[in-house]
Amino acid sequence: LSDATKFLEGLLSFDKDNIPEAVITKVEPYINSDEFTPEAVARVSKACTSICMWVRAMHLYHTVALGVSACAMGGYCLGPTQSLLLLGPAPWHRLTCPLMP
């Protein structure tokens, strides 16, 4: 990480509305891992904790956006709370990312 400012700008300008499905597929094993939670990562690196939270937030955003998109196209619509429940039990309060506006 030679240019922290450029890295942060990349995170802030990330196109969360067009995450390729291939990227989501590659990230899912990490999302499902007990070792990739903010608490677990914080034991190793405080800096990487925020990155972990950002990755998890982008994955969640993608998942919820797909549900909203299906609803808009006439599919079965779930409310926001129901969409989150389908993702399984999780402490959603951990997904607040200090890097997101």
N, C-alpha and C. Protein backbone atom coordinates (compact mmCIF):
# COMPACT_ATOMS: atom_id res chain seq x y z
N LEU A 1 0.86 -1.17 0.00
CA LEU A 1 0.00 0.00 0.00
C LEU A 1 0.89 1.23 0.00
N SER A 2 1.26 1.66 -1.17
CA SER A 2 2.18 2.78 -1.29
C SER A 2 1.49 4.14 -1.25
N ASP A 3 0.22 4.20 -1.61
CA ASP A 3 -0.49 5.48 -1.64
C ASP A 3 -1.84 5.32 -0.92
N ALA A 4 -1.85 5.62 0.36
CA ALA A 4 -3.06 5.44 1.16
C ALA A 4 -4.20 6.33 0.68
N THR A 5 -3.89 7.53 0.22
CA THR A 5 -4.94 8.44 -0.26
C THR A 5 -5.63 7.86 -1.48
N LYS A 6 -4.86 7.32 -2.39
CA LYS A 6 -5.44 6.71 -3.60
C LYS A 6 -6.29 5.50 -3.24
N PHE A 7 -5.81 4.71 -2.27
CA PHE A 7 -6.57 3.54 -1.82
C PHE A 7 -7.92 3.98 -1.24
N LEU A 8 -7.91 4.98 -0.37
CA LEU A 8 -9.15 5.47 0.23
C LEU A 8 -10.09 6.04 -0.82
N GLU A 9 -9.56 6.77 -1.78
CA GLU A 9 -10.38 7.30 -2.87
C GLU A 9 -11.03 6.17 -3.66
N GLY A 10 -10.28 5.07 -3.86
CA GLY A 10 -10.83 3.91 -4.56
C GLY A 10 -11.99 3.29 -3.81
N LEU A 11 -11.87 3.24 -2.48
CA LEU A 11 -12.97 2.69 -1.67
C LEU A 11 -14.19 3.61 -1.74
N LEU A 12 -13.96 4.90 -1.64
CA LEU A 12 -15.07 5.85 -1.63
C LEU A 12 -15.76 5.97 -2.99
N SER A 13 -15.03 5.74 -4.06
CA SER A 13 -15.63 5.85 -5.39
C SER A 13 -16.02 4.49 -5.98
N PHE A 14 -15.93 3.44 -5.17
CA PHE A 14 -16.25 2.08 -5.64
C PHE A 14 -17.68 2.03 -6.14
N ASP A 15 -17.89 1.42 -7.30
CA ASP A 15 -19.22 1.33 -7.92
C ASP A 15 -19.98 0.15 -7.32
N LYS A 16 -20.60 0.39 -6.18
CA LYS A 16 -21.28 -0.68 -5.45
C LYS A 16 -22.53 -1.18 -6.18
N ASP A 17 -23.02 -0.42 -7.14
CA ASP A 17 -24.21 -0.84 -7.87
C ASP A 17 -23.91 -1.78 -9.03
N ASN A 18 -22.64 -2.00 -9.31
CA ASN A 18 -22.26 -2.86 -10.44
C ASN A 18 -21.13 -3.82 -10.05
N ILE A 19 -21.29 -4.50 -8.93
CA ILE A 19 -20.29 -5.48 -8.51
C ILE A 19 -20.51 -6.75 -9.33
N PRO A 20 -19.50 -7.19 -10.07
CA PRO A 20 -19.68 -8.40 -10.88
C PRO A 20 -19.97 -9.63 -10.00
N GLU A 21 -20.82 -10.48 -10.50
CA GLU A 21 -21.18 -11.69 -9.75
C GLU A 21 -19.95 -12.54 -9.46
N ALA A 22 -18.96 -12.51 -10.35
CA ALA A 22 -17.73 -13.27 -10.13
C ALA A 22 -16.99 -12.78 -8.88
N VAL A 23 -17.04 -11.49 -8.63
CA VAL A 23 -16.40 -10.92 -7.44
C VAL A 23 -17.15 -11.37 -6.19
N ILE A 24 -18.46 -11.32 -6.23
CA ILE A 24 -19.28 -11.77 -5.09
C ILE A 24 -18.99 -13.23 -4.79
N THR A 25 -18.90 -14.04 -5.82
CA THR A 25 -18.61 -15.48 -5.65
C THR A 25 -17.25 -15.69 -5.00
N LYS A 26 -16.26 -14.91 -5.40
CA LYS A 26 -14.92 -15.04 -4.81
C LYS A 26 -14.89 -14.57 -3.36
N VAL A 27 -15.71 -13.60 -3.01
CA VAL A 27 -15.71 -13.04 -1.66
C VAL A 27 -16.51 -13.90 -0.67
N GLU A 28 -17.50 -14.63 -1.14
CA GLU A 28 -18.40 -15.36 -0.25
C GLU A 28 -17.71 -16.32 0.71
N PRO A 29 -16.67 -17.06 0.32
CA PRO A 29 -16.02 -17.91 1.33
C PRO A 29 -15.48 -17.10 2.51
N TYR A 30 -15.01 -15.89 2.26
CA TYR A 30 -14.53 -15.04 3.34
C TYR A 30 -15.68 -14.53 4.19
N ILE A 31 -16.76 -14.13 3.54
CA ILE A 31 -17.94 -13.64 4.26
C ILE A 31 -18.47 -14.72 5.20
N ASN A 32 -18.43 -15.97 4.76
CA ASN A 32 -18.94 -17.08 5.55
C ASN A 32 -17.96 -17.59 6.59
N SER A 33 -16.75 -17.07 6.59
CA SER A 33 -15.72 -17.54 7.52
C SER A 33 -15.82 -16.82 8.86
N ASP A 34 -15.71 -17.58 9.94
CA ASP A 34 -15.69 -16.99 11.27
C ASP A 34 -14.44 -16.15 11.50
N GLU A 35 -13.43 -16.35 10.70
CA GLU A 35 -12.18 -15.60 10.84
C GLU A 35 -12.24 -14.24 10.14
N PHE A 36 -13.30 -14.01 9.35
CA PHE A 36 -13.43 -12.73 8.64
C PHE A 36 -14.61 -11.94 9.21
N THR A 37 -14.57 -11.75 10.50
CA THR A 37 -15.52 -10.87 11.18
C THR A 37 -14.71 -9.69 11.71
N PRO A 38 -15.35 -8.56 11.91
CA PRO A 38 -14.59 -7.42 12.44
C PRO A 38 -13.88 -7.73 13.75
N GLU A 39 -14.52 -8.51 14.62
CA GLU A 39 -13.90 -8.84 15.90
C GLU A 39 -12.66 -9.71 15.71
N ALA A 40 -12.76 -10.70 14.84
CA ALA A 40 -11.62 -11.60 14.60
C ALA A 40 -10.47 -10.85 13.94
N VAL A 41 -10.78 -10.02 12.97
CA VAL A 41 -9.74 -9.27 12.26
C VAL A 41 -9.10 -8.24 13.20
N ALA A 42 -9.90 -7.65 14.09
CA ALA A 42 -9.37 -6.64 15.02
C ALA A 42 -8.30 -7.21 15.93
N ARG A 43 -8.36 -8.51 16.21
CA ARG A 43 -7.33 -9.13 17.05
C ARG A 43 -5.98 -9.16 16.35
N VAL A 44 -6.00 -9.04 15.02
CA VAL A 44 -4.77 -9.10 14.24
C VAL A 44 -4.35 -7.73 13.74
N SER A 45 -5.33 -6.93 13.27
CA SER A 45 -5.01 -5.63 12.68
C SER A 45 -6.18 -4.68 12.83
N LYS A 46 -5.94 -3.59 13.54
CA LYS A 46 -7.00 -2.57 13.69
C LYS A 46 -7.31 -1.92 12.34
N ALA A 47 -6.30 -1.70 11.52
CA ALA A 47 -6.51 -1.07 10.22
C ALA A 47 -7.36 -1.97 9.31
N CYS A 48 -7.08 -3.26 9.32
CA CYS A 48 -7.82 -4.17 8.45
C CYS A 48 -9.25 -4.41 8.93
N THR A 49 -9.54 -4.05 10.16
CA THR A 49 -10.91 -4.20 10.66
C THR A 49 -11.87 -3.37 9.82
N SER A 50 -11.50 -2.14 9.50
CA SER A 50 -12.36 -1.28 8.68
C SER A 50 -12.51 -1.83 7.27
N ILE A 51 -11.45 -2.40 6.73
CA ILE A 51 -11.53 -3.00 5.39
C ILE A 51 -12.47 -4.19 5.42
N CYS A 52 -12.37 -5.01 6.46
CA CYS A 52 -13.27 -6.16 6.61
C CYS A 52 -14.72 -5.68 6.67
N MET A 53 -14.97 -4.65 7.44
CA MET A 53 -16.33 -4.11 7.56
C MET A 53 -16.83 -3.60 6.22
N TRP A 54 -15.94 -2.95 5.45
CA TRP A 54 -16.31 -2.42 4.14
C TRP A 54 -16.67 -3.55 3.17
N VAL A 55 -15.85 -4.59 3.16
CA VAL A 55 -16.11 -5.74 2.28
C VAL A 55 -17.45 -6.37 2.64
N ARG A 56 -17.69 -6.58 3.91
CA ARG A 56 -18.95 -7.18 4.35
C ARG A 56 -20.14 -6.29 3.99
N ALA A 57 -19.96 -4.97 4.13
CA ALA A 57 -21.04 -4.04 3.79
C ALA A 57 -21.34 -4.07 2.29
N MET A 58 -20.30 -4.12 1.45
CA MET A 58 -20.51 -4.18 0.00
C MET A 58 -21.22 -5.48 -0.40
N HIS A 59 -20.85 -6.58 0.25
CA HIS A 59 -21.50 -7.86 -0.02
C HIS A 59 -22.97 -7.81 0.37
N LEU A 60 -23.25 -7.26 1.54
CA LEU A 60 -24.63 -7.13 2.00
C LEU A 60 -25.42 -6.21 1.07
N TYR A 61 -24.84 -5.08 0.70
CA TYR A 61 -25.50 -4.15 -0.21
C TYR A 61 -25.87 -4.86 -1.52
N HIS A 62 -24.93 -5.62 -2.06
CA HIS A 62 -25.18 -6.35 -3.31
C HIS A 62 -26.34 -7.32 -3.14
N THR A 63 -26.34 -8.04 -2.04
CA THR A 63 -27.39 -9.04 -1.79
C THR A 63 -28.76 -8.39 -1.67
N VAL A 64 -28.83 -7.30 -0.93
CA VAL A 64 -30.11 -6.60 -0.75
C VAL A 64 -30.53 -5.95 -2.07
N ALA A 65 -29.58 -5.37 -2.80
CA ALA A 65 -29.90 -4.72 -4.08
C ALA A 65 -30.47 -5.73 -5.08
N LEU A 66 -29.98 -6.96 -5.05
CA LEU A 66 -30.53 -7.98 -5.95
C LEU A 66 -31.99 -8.25 -5.61
N GLY A 67 -32.33 -8.28 -4.33
CA GLY A 67 -33.72 -8.48 -3.92
C GLY A 67 -34.60 -7.34 -4.36
N VAL A 68 -34.11 -6.12 -4.24
CA VAL A 68 -34.88 -4.95 -4.66
C VAL A 68 -35.05 -4.95 -6.17
N SER A 69 -33.99 -5.34 -6.89
CA SER A 69 -34.05 -5.40 -8.35
C SER A 69 -35.09 -6.42 -8.81
N ALA A 70 -35.11 -7.57 -8.17
CA ALA A 70 -36.09 -8.60 -8.54
C ALA A 70 -37.51 -8.09 -8.30
N CYS A 71 -37.69 -7.36 -7.24
CA CYS A 71 -39.00 -6.79 -6.92
C CYS A 71 -39.42 -5.79 -8.00
N ALA A 72 -38.49 -4.94 -8.41
CA ALA A 72 -38.79 -3.93 -9.41
C ALA A 72 -39.15 -4.55 -10.75
N MET A 73 -38.63 -5.75 -11.02
CA MET A 73 -38.91 -6.42 -12.29
C MET A 73 -40.12 -7.33 -12.19
N GLY A 74 -40.91 -7.18 -11.12
CA GLY A 74 -42.15 -7.95 -11.00
C GLY A 74 -42.00 -9.27 -10.30
N GLY A 75 -40.86 -9.51 -9.69
CA GLY A 75 -40.66 -10.75 -8.95
C GLY A 75 -41.28 -10.66 -7.57
N TYR A 76 -41.05 -11.69 -6.78
CA TYR A 76 -41.55 -11.72 -5.41
C TYR A 76 -40.79 -10.69 -4.59
N CYS A 77 -41.51 -9.84 -3.88
CA CYS A 77 -40.88 -8.74 -3.14
C CYS A 77 -40.84 -9.03 -1.66
N LEU A 78 -39.66 -8.84 -1.09
CA LEU A 78 -39.49 -8.93 0.35
C LEU A 78 -39.19 -7.53 0.87
N GLY A 79 -39.62 -7.27 2.07
CA GLY A 79 -39.25 -6.01 2.70
C GLY A 79 -37.79 -6.05 3.11
N PRO A 80 -37.23 -4.91 3.47
CA PRO A 80 -35.82 -4.86 3.85
C PRO A 80 -35.49 -5.79 5.01
N THR A 81 -36.36 -5.84 6.01
CA THR A 81 -36.11 -6.71 7.15
C THR A 81 -36.16 -8.17 6.74
N GLN A 82 -37.13 -8.54 5.91
CA GLN A 82 -37.22 -9.91 5.44
C GLN A 82 -36.00 -10.30 4.62
N SER A 83 -35.50 -9.39 3.80
CA SER A 83 -34.30 -9.67 3.01
C SER A 83 -33.12 -9.96 3.91
N LEU A 84 -32.96 -9.20 4.98
CA LEU A 84 -31.86 -9.44 5.91
C LEU A 84 -32.02 -10.77 6.63
N LEU A 85 -33.26 -11.12 6.96
CA LEU A 85 -33.48 -12.39 7.65
C LEU A 85 -33.11 -13.58 6.79
N LEU A 86 -33.29 -13.46 5.49
CA LEU A 86 -32.91 -14.54 4.59
C LEU A 86 -31.40 -14.80 4.59
N LEU A 87 -30.64 -13.80 4.95
CA LEU A 87 -29.18 -13.95 4.97
C LEU A 87 -28.72 -14.74 6.18
N GLY A 88 -29.61 -15.01 7.11
CA GLY A 88 -29.25 -15.79 8.29
C GLY A 88 -28.92 -14.90 9.46
N PRO A 89 -28.71 -15.53 10.62
CA PRO A 89 -28.43 -14.75 11.81
C PRO A 89 -27.07 -14.07 11.71
N ALA A 90 -27.04 -12.83 12.07
CA ALA A 90 -25.78 -12.09 12.07
C ALA A 90 -25.96 -10.82 12.87
N PRO A 91 -24.92 -10.35 13.50
CA PRO A 91 -25.00 -9.08 14.22
C PRO A 91 -24.85 -7.92 13.25
N TRP A 92 -25.97 -7.45 12.68
CA TRP A 92 -25.94 -6.45 11.61
C TRP A 92 -25.32 -5.14 12.06
N HIS A 93 -25.32 -4.87 13.35
CA HIS A 93 -24.74 -3.61 13.80
C HIS A 93 -23.24 -3.54 13.50
N ARG A 94 -22.59 -4.67 13.28
CA ARG A 94 -21.16 -4.68 12.98
C ARG A 94 -20.86 -4.20 11.57
N LEU A 95 -21.86 -4.05 10.74
CA LEU A 95 -21.62 -3.71 9.35
C LEU A 95 -21.50 -2.20 9.11
N THR A 96 -21.57 -1.42 10.15
CA THR A 96 -21.38 0.01 10.01
C THR A 96 -19.91 0.26 9.71
N CYS A 97 -19.64 0.91 8.63
CA CYS A 97 -18.26 1.12 8.20
C CYS A 97 -17.89 2.59 8.30
N PRO A 98 -16.83 2.91 9.03
CA PRO A 98 -16.45 4.31 9.17
C PRO A 98 -15.98 4.92 7.85
N LEU A 99 -15.69 4.11 6.84
CA LEU A 99 -15.24 4.63 5.56
C LEU A 99 -16.37 5.04 4.65
N MET A 100 -17.59 4.60 4.97
CA MET A 100 -18.74 4.91 4.13
C MET A 100 -19.36 6.24 4.58
N PRO A 101 -19.74 7.08 3.62
CA PRO A 101 -20.35 8.37 3.99
C PRO A 101 -21.73 8.18 4.59
